[in-house]
Amino acid sequence: AQARAVLAAAEAAYEQSKRDLERTVIIASFKGRVRKKMVDLGTNLVPGARIADIYATASFEVRLPIADKDIPFLGIPLDGTMLKKNQRPRVKLFASYGTENFQAEGFLLRSESEIDLKTRMISVIATIPIEDSRIALKVGMFVNAEIEGLSYPGVTIVPRNAVKNDMIWVVQEQKLRRKSVEVLRLENDFAFISDGLTKNDRVLITRLSSYVDGMPVRVK
């Protein structure tokens, strides 16, 4: 009887060990990679213990800081809410590693809801689906980004030095005329004019010693 009791106890312990072993297998709910593990073989765990950092490989999320002067041209809310599918601007990412250059495309998901106190920038979050195995972007890479912005019809691009204090000189009927314009944006060596110029205006880009409204000029 004692031997049968010992055998039964051993079988029960064996079954319990099998169940315990089955419970040590942890399967993530998505396809991904382990970035960092916090446990070793034989570690005793308690409920809620952190055991690993895992990231999904079906898509990447990229945090892109945006200067405050560029924010109005995105046309997205800045409260951190998820953008609707038909409101997500397209994004192109460019990266280089060694002698190789990489490119990937995706779209914006949302913005962060706070401005960085040091840089005065707000970040937007882009997602890049990894559907093509040739996309070689890696976690931790630095990237450059092109983000699709709002469309502004009727914008005229002129040399930046042609605009001063929202005023521009044009030639009309061989005479100088000063016009007030609305500058939408200044970028590099160019000014984007959204209002104030007409189709037939000829913008003065030559530097003169003096400028007088109505002064005769010769156009070459």
Foldseek 3Di string as FASTA:
>chain_A
DVVVVVVVVVVVVVVVVVVVVVVVDDDDPAAWDWPFADDDPPDDDDPPDDGTDIDHDQKDKDKAWDAPLCVVFAPADQQFDFDDPVSWWKKKKWFDDDPDIFIFIWTWTGWHNDADPPPRTTITMTMTGPPDPPHDDDPPTDIDMDTDTDDQPPKDKDFPVQDDPQWGWWADPQFIAIWGFDFPDDDDGITITRDTDDPPTHTDPDDDPDHDGGHGHDDD
